Amino acid sequence: MKAIRVHEFGGPEVLRLEDVPDPRPGAGQVLVRVRAAGVNPVDTYIRGGGHAVRPQLPFTPGLDAAGTVEAVGEGVERVRVGDRVYTAGSLSGAYAELALCDEAQVYALPERISFAEGAGVSTPYATAYRALFQRAHGVAGETVLVHGASGGVGTAAVQIARAAGFTVIGTGGTDEGRRLVAEQGAQYVLDHHAPGYLDELTKLTGGRGPDVILEMLANVNLNKDLGVIAKGGRVVVIGSRGAVEINPRLAMARDATVLGMMLFNASPRELESVHAGLVAGLEAGTLRPVVGRELPIASAARAHEEVLKPGAYGKIVLIP
């Protein structure tokens, strides 16, 4: 099969398309014929060698894919050959024609969701779901600010929060991105490049501030978040690309909580709960990933460059 391989940690140029042997499923394992693979910022951090997850070289990158079950090992009961599925991690990597998974890493993909859309489910939607419910313990009726809402995690967070009964305020850096955020269900959309946009946020919440902030770029925004969060509010740090200096008195004055979050830290029971919620939303039609761009798998290096650029719009997926 064709697969992207990484023989040394480094920049996008280390991603190489190669021929490798087809994997075979063992007991409790599922082999998925990949129709689309999702590209996430975390994939670039792992490729560069600077992430807490550091695979043994050489390896095939990628956590998220969608496709059909090609074969199953002994004891597999949840899926059958031919089933449409999305993956939440894999044993062999998703940037390939075939991906070997544990049975617990595959979930049913409803017919209404395309394979390209399915490749955008796991990491973005599971991250948003865990941040909102398992870390921030958000509840219906609260106001949530999705800071950077036009990317994969951001659009997922907007859809999930709106479907769960939150008042959703999203921000975007481009006209196109802000239109997308509104289309996904945010009641209010702000330009996070505009002077005074945080004053507008405060007005929208009646001077109270949002109860929950989902933060995609903490190194730029965290101190600002602490200046506008509601009393007892929670900021969940989903993404950061550097250090930041904050004024702790802002958190003190509001009894605010700053929560870190990494999907890799979720327990098996937490992940089971997350994906039960996601599959239900996909089946009901309240959740639908936005695909911003489809690229051939040979363009994985380009995809890794694009996924880190400002002005994110939906999900980048690779097609084997």
Protein backbone atom coordinates (compact mmCIF):
# COMPACT_ATOMS: atom_id res chain seq x y z
CA MET A 1 0.00 0.00 0.00
CA LYS A 2 0.94 3.67 -0.28
CA ALA A 3 1.63 5.50 2.97
CA ILE A 4 3.31 8.67 4.18
CA ARG A 5 6.40 7.81 6.21
CA VAL A 6 8.56 9.85 8.57
CA HIS A 7 12.14 8.60 8.98
CA GLU A 8 13.39 11.58 11.01
CA PHE A 9 11.69 14.32 13.00
CA GLY A 10 11.69 17.67 11.27
CA GLY A 11 9.79 20.00 8.96
CA PRO A 12 7.12 19.12 6.40
CA GLU A 13 9.82 17.95 3.99
CA VAL A 14 10.32 14.76 6.06
CA LEU A 15 6.90 13.49 4.94
CA ARG A 16 7.52 10.95 2.15
CA LEU A 17 5.07 8.85 0.16
CA GLU A 18 6.33 5.25 0.07
CA ASP A 19 5.25 1.69 -0.63
CA VAL A 20 4.92 -0.36 2.56
CA PRO A 21 3.47 -3.83 3.30
CA ASP A 22 -0.25 -4.05 3.93
CA PRO A 23 -0.99 -4.46 7.66
CA ARG A 24 -3.00 -7.45 8.82
CA PRO A 25 -5.41 -7.39 11.77
CA GLY A 26 -4.69 -9.50 14.81
CA ALA A 27 -7.10 -10.43 17.59
CA GLY A 28 -9.27 -7.48 18.56
CA GLN A 29 -8.05 -5.37 15.64
CA VAL A 30 -9.75 -3.77 12.64
CA LEU A 31 -8.22 -2.95 9.25
CA VAL A 32 -9.77 0.16 7.66
CA ARG A 33 -9.61 1.04 3.96
CA VAL A 34 -8.93 4.78 4.25
CA ARG A 35 -11.02 6.99 1.99
CA ALA A 36 -9.95 10.23 3.64
CA ALA A 37 -7.51 11.21 6.42
CA GLY A 38 -7.83 14.32 8.57
CA VAL A 39 -4.94 16.73 9.08
CA ASN A 40 -4.62 18.32 12.53
CA PRO A 41 -2.14 20.81 13.99
CA VAL A 42 -1.12 18.13 16.49
CA ASP A 43 0.07 16.00 13.55
CA THR A 44 2.65 18.69 12.75
CA TYR A 45 3.88 18.85 16.34
CA ILE A 46 4.33 15.07 16.44
CA ARG A 47 6.12 15.12 13.08
CA GLY A 48 8.49 17.79 14.39
CA GLY A 49 9.40 15.73 17.46
CA GLY A 50 8.34 18.40 19.94
CA HIS A 51 5.14 16.77 21.20
CA ALA A 52 4.66 14.67 24.33
CA VAL A 53 3.70 11.83 21.98
CA ARG A 54 6.92 10.79 20.24
CA PRO A 55 6.49 7.74 17.99
CA GLN A 56 9.30 5.33 17.24
CA LEU A 57 10.86 6.06 13.85
CA PRO A 58 9.94 5.41 11.11
CA PHE A 59 6.20 5.99 11.44
CA THR A 60 3.10 6.97 9.47
CA PRO A 61 1.45 10.15 10.81
CA GLY A 62 -2.23 10.81 11.31
CA LEU A 63 -4.85 10.09 13.92
CA ASP A 64 -8.12 10.60 12.06
CA ALA A 65 -9.51 8.76 9.07
CA ALA A 66 -12.78 7.59 7.57
CA GLY A 67 -13.43 4.65 5.32
CA THR A 68 -14.73 1.10 5.27
CA VAL A 69 -13.79 -1.97 7.27
CA GLU A 70 -11.49 -4.10 5.09
CA ALA A 71 -10.91 -6.96 7.54
CA VAL A 72 -11.34 -7.81 11.21
CA GLY A 73 -9.36 -9.93 13.63
CA GLU A 74 -10.58 -12.64 15.96
CA GLY A 75 -13.00 -11.49 18.63
CA VAL A 76 -14.09 -8.24 16.95
CA GLU A 77 -17.82 -7.74 17.52
CA ARG A 78 -18.62 -4.04 17.09
CA VAL A 79 -18.00 -3.81 13.34
CA ARG A 80 -18.11 -6.03 10.28
CA VAL A 81 -16.36 -6.01 6.91
CA GLY A 82 -17.88 -3.30 4.72
CA ASP A 83 -19.08 -1.07 7.58
CA ARG A 84 -18.54 2.67 7.21
CA VAL A 85 -16.43 3.96 10.11
CA TYR A 86 -14.33 6.84 11.35
CA THR A 87 -11.18 6.29 13.39
CA ALA A 88 -10.11 7.84 16.67
CA GLY A 89 -6.42 7.09 16.46
CA SER A 90 -4.84 4.01 14.92
CA LEU A 91 -2.00 1.57 15.45
CA SER A 92 -0.34 2.17 12.09
CA GLY A 93 -1.15 5.80 11.17
CA ALA A 94 -3.94 7.37 9.12
CA TYR A 95 -1.98 8.91 6.21
CA ALA A 96 -2.17 5.67 4.24
CA GLU A 97 -4.39 3.54 2.05
CA LEU A 98 -4.98 1.16 4.97
CA ALA A 99 -5.01 1.85 8.72
CA LEU A 100 -4.78 -0.80 11.44
CA CYS A 101 -6.83 0.02 14.55
CA ASP A 102 -7.84 -1.47 17.85
CA GLU A 103 -11.56 -2.24 17.86
CA ALA A 104 -12.07 0.57 20.41
CA GLN A 105 -10.63 3.09 17.92
CA VAL A 106 -13.36 2.71 15.28
CA TYR A 107 -16.86 4.16 15.37
CA ALA A 108 -19.86 3.97 13.09
CA LEU A 109 -20.04 6.67 10.41
CA PRO A 110 -23.65 7.50 9.49
CA GLU A 111 -24.59 7.42 5.81
CA ARG A 112 -25.42 11.12 5.87
CA ILE A 113 -21.73 11.93 6.56
CA SER A 114 -19.26 11.70 3.66
CA PHE A 115 -15.85 10.10 4.10
CA ALA A 116 -14.15 13.51 3.79
CA GLU A 117 -16.42 14.84 6.53
CA GLY A 118 -15.86 11.70 8.60
CA ALA A 119 -12.12 12.31 8.52
CA GLY A 120 -12.81 15.58 10.32
CA VAL A 121 -14.69 14.05 13.25
CA SER A 122 -12.38 12.51 15.80
CA THR A 123 -9.70 14.94 16.95
CA PRO A 124 -11.61 18.22 16.36
CA TYR A 125 -14.97 17.11 17.68
CA ALA A 126 -13.63 15.01 20.55
CA THR A 127 -11.41 17.91 21.60
CA ALA A 128 -14.29 20.38 21.54
CA TYR A 129 -16.64 17.99 23.34
CA ARG A 130 -14.15 17.15 26.07
CA ALA A 131 -13.20 20.80 26.55
CA LEU A 132 -16.78 21.97 26.91
CA PHE A 133 -18.26 19.16 28.99
CA GLN A 134 -15.49 17.17 30.69
CA ARG A 135 -13.09 20.04 31.49
CA ALA A 136 -15.26 23.17 31.73
CA HIS A 137 -18.36 21.23 32.92
CA GLY A 138 -20.49 23.54 30.79
CA VAL A 139 -24.26 23.37 31.09
CA ALA A 140 -27.13 24.51 28.90
CA GLY A 141 -28.02 28.17 29.37
CA GLU A 142 -24.42 29.33 29.81
CA THR A 143 -22.59 31.58 27.37
CA VAL A 144 -19.48 30.23 25.65
CA LEU A 145 -16.90 32.20 23.69
CA VAL A 146 -15.14 30.13 21.03
CA HIS A 147 -11.97 32.14 20.48
CA GLY A 148 -10.89 31.22 16.95
CA ALA A 149 -14.04 29.51 15.76
CA SER A 150 -13.47 29.01 12.03
CA GLY A 151 -11.01 26.08 12.16
CA GLY A 152 -11.71 22.41 12.69
CA VAL A 153 -11.99 22.49 16.49
CA GLY A 154 -13.71 25.87 16.43
CA THR A 155 -16.52 24.89 14.06
CA ALA A 156 -16.98 21.66 16.01
CA ALA A 157 -17.25 23.62 19.27
CA VAL A 158 -19.83 25.99 17.80
CA GLN A 159 -22.00 23.13 16.55
CA ILE A 160 -21.74 21.16 19.79
CA ALA A 161 -22.42 24.15 22.04
CA ARG A 162 -25.36 25.41 20.02
CA ALA A 163 -26.96 21.95 19.92
CA ALA A 164 -26.52 21.67 23.71
CA GLY A 165 -28.33 24.93 24.50
CA PHE A 166 -25.51 27.41 25.02
CA THR A 167 -25.44 30.99 23.83
CA VAL A 168 -22.50 30.87 21.43
CA ILE A 169 -20.18 33.76 20.59
CA GLY A 170 -17.50 32.94 18.02
CA THR A 171 -14.57 34.91 16.67
CA GLY A 172 -12.88 34.78 13.29
CA GLY A 173 -10.09 36.68 11.60
CA THR A 174 -11.51 36.93 8.06
CA ASP A 175 -14.87 37.77 6.50
CA GLU A 176 -15.05 34.24 5.07
CA GLY A 177 -14.25 32.70 8.44
CA ARG A 178 -16.82 34.81 10.26
CA ARG A 179 -19.52 33.85 7.75
CA LEU A 180 -18.66 30.21 8.36
CA VAL A 181 -18.93 30.65 12.14
CA ALA A 182 -22.38 32.19 11.76
CA GLU A 183 -23.46 29.39 9.41
CA GLN A 184 -22.47 26.82 12.04
CA GLY A 185 -24.87 28.33 14.55
CA ALA A 186 -23.11 31.03 16.56
CA GLN A 187 -25.62 33.66 17.62
CA TYR A 188 -22.91 36.33 17.63
CA VAL A 189 -19.68 36.58 15.63
CA LEU A 190 -16.81 38.99 16.33
CA ASP A 191 -13.66 39.98 14.45
CA HIS A 192 -10.79 39.21 16.82
CA HIS A 193 -8.52 41.54 14.84
CA ALA A 194 -10.81 44.56 15.35
CA PRO A 195 -9.89 47.10 18.04
CA GLY A 196 -12.40 46.98 20.88
CA TYR A 197 -13.92 43.61 20.00
CA LEU A 198 -13.65 42.56 23.64
CA ASP A 199 -15.70 45.60 24.65
CA GLU A 200 -18.37 44.39 22.22
CA LEU A 201 -18.16 40.94 23.83
CA THR A 202 -18.78 42.47 27.25
CA LYS A 203 -21.82 44.34 25.92
CA LEU A 204 -23.25 41.20 24.35
CA THR A 205 -23.16 39.48 27.75
CA GLY A 206 -24.72 42.41 29.61
CA GLY A 207 -21.43 43.27 31.27
CA ARG A 208 -21.10 39.83 32.80
CA GLY A 209 -18.73 38.11 30.37
CA PRO A 210 -18.87 34.55 29.01
CA ASP A 211 -19.09 31.65 31.43
CA VAL A 212 -16.77 29.50 29.34
CA ILE A 213 -14.01 30.42 26.91
CA LEU A 214 -12.57 27.79 24.58
CA GLU A 215 -9.15 29.16 23.68
CA MET A 216 -7.31 28.07 20.53
CA LEU A 217 -4.35 30.49 20.79
CA ALA A 218 -3.58 31.03 24.45
CA ASN A 219 -0.19 32.63 23.89
CA VAL A 220 -2.00 35.58 22.29
CA ASN A 221 -5.32 35.66 24.12
CA LEU A 222 -5.12 34.17 27.62
CA ASN A 223 -4.55 37.40 29.52
CA LYS A 224 -7.32 39.07 27.50
CA ASP A 225 -9.63 36.15 28.33
CA LEU A 226 -9.05 36.62 32.05
CA GLY A 227 -10.04 40.27 31.68
CA VAL A 228 -13.48 39.47 30.25
CA ILE A 229 -14.48 36.10 31.75
CA ALA A 230 -17.55 35.99 34.01
CA LYS A 231 -17.20 35.47 37.76
CA GLY A 232 -16.64 31.79 38.32
CA GLY A 233 -15.85 31.40 34.63
CA ARG A 234 -13.59 28.77 33.08
CA VAL A 235 -11.01 29.19 30.33
CA VAL A 236 -10.03 25.95 28.61
CA VAL A 237 -6.68 26.13 26.83
CA ILE A 238 -7.02 24.00 23.70
CA GLY A 239 -4.13 25.46 21.73
CA SER A 240 -1.03 27.59 22.34
CA ARG A 241 2.06 28.27 20.27
CA GLY A 242 4.28 29.84 22.88
CA ALA A 243 4.59 31.36 26.33
CA VAL A 244 2.34 34.12 27.66
CA GLU A 245 2.49 36.57 30.55
CA ILE A 246 -0.72 36.93 32.53
CA ASN A 247 -1.89 39.08 35.42
CA PRO A 248 -3.07 36.65 38.12
CA ARG A 249 -5.15 39.40 39.74
CA LEU A 250 -7.56 39.20 36.81
CA ALA A 251 -8.24 35.56 37.67
CA MET A 252 -8.42 36.37 41.38
CA ALA A 253 -10.98 39.12 40.89
CA ARG A 254 -13.31 36.76 39.05
CA ASP A 255 -12.64 33.46 40.83
CA ALA A 256 -11.76 32.30 37.33
CA THR A 257 -10.24 28.94 36.47
CA VAL A 258 -7.73 28.23 33.72
CA LEU A 259 -7.89 24.61 32.57
CA GLY A 260 -5.40 22.84 30.36
CA MET A 261 -6.66 20.15 28.02
CA MET A 262 -5.06 17.52 25.85
CA LEU A 263 -7.14 14.82 24.22
CA PHE A 264 -4.38 12.24 24.79
CA ASN A 265 -5.05 12.55 28.55
CA ALA A 266 -8.64 11.34 28.30
CA SER A 267 -9.34 8.01 29.97
CA PRO A 268 -10.95 5.14 28.03
CA ARG A 269 -14.26 5.78 29.82
CA GLU A 270 -14.10 9.48 28.98
CA LEU A 271 -13.42 8.71 25.33
CA GLU A 272 -16.28 6.23 25.24
CA SER A 273 -18.59 8.94 26.54
CA VAL A 274 -17.24 11.52 24.10
CA HIS A 275 -17.75 9.35 21.03
CA ALA A 276 -21.20 8.21 22.16
CA GLY A 277 -22.18 11.89 22.15
CA LEU A 278 -20.53 12.54 18.79
CA VAL A 279 -22.10 9.57 17.01
CA ALA A 280 -25.51 10.62 18.33
CA GLY A 281 -24.98 14.16 17.02
CA LEU A 282 -23.81 12.89 13.61
CA GLU A 283 -26.85 10.62 13.35
CA ALA A 284 -29.24 13.40 14.38
CA GLY A 285 -27.71 15.91 11.98
CA THR A 286 -26.76 18.47 14.63
CA LEU A 287 -23.07 17.80 13.97
CA ARG A 288 -21.51 17.91 10.51
CA PRO A 289 -17.80 18.54 9.92
CA VAL A 290 -16.85 21.36 7.55
CA VAL A 291 -14.27 20.35 4.95
CA GLY A 292 -12.25 23.35 3.90
CA ARG A 293 -9.88 21.62 1.49
CA GLU A 294 -9.19 18.17 0.03
CA LEU A 295 -5.65 17.33 -1.11
CA PRO A 296 -4.08 14.14 -2.49
CA ILE A 297 -2.09 12.19 0.07
CA ALA A 298 1.10 12.98 -1.85
CA SER A 299 0.55 16.62 -0.81
CA ALA A 300 0.85 15.85 2.92
CA ALA A 301 3.76 18.29 3.30
CA ARG A 302 1.68 21.10 1.84
CA ALA A 303 -1.22 20.16 4.12
CA HIS A 304 1.09 20.43 7.15
CA GLU A 305 2.08 23.93 6.07
CA GLU A 306 -1.50 25.03 5.41
CA VAL A 307 -2.98 23.73 8.66
CA LEU A 308 -0.82 26.12 10.73
CA LYS A 309 -1.58 29.26 8.72
CA PRO A 310 -3.82 32.00 10.17
CA GLY A 311 -7.38 32.32 8.92
CA ALA A 312 -8.29 28.65 9.30
CA TYR A 313 -11.41 27.57 7.40
CA GLY A 314 -12.79 24.15 8.19
CA LYS A 315 -10.85 20.92 7.91
CA ILE A 316 -8.01 19.87 5.62
CA VAL A 317 -8.25 16.23 4.52
CA LEU A 318 -5.95 13.97 2.51
CA ILE A 319 -7.35 11.58 -0.11
CA PRO A 320 -5.29 8.38 -0.68
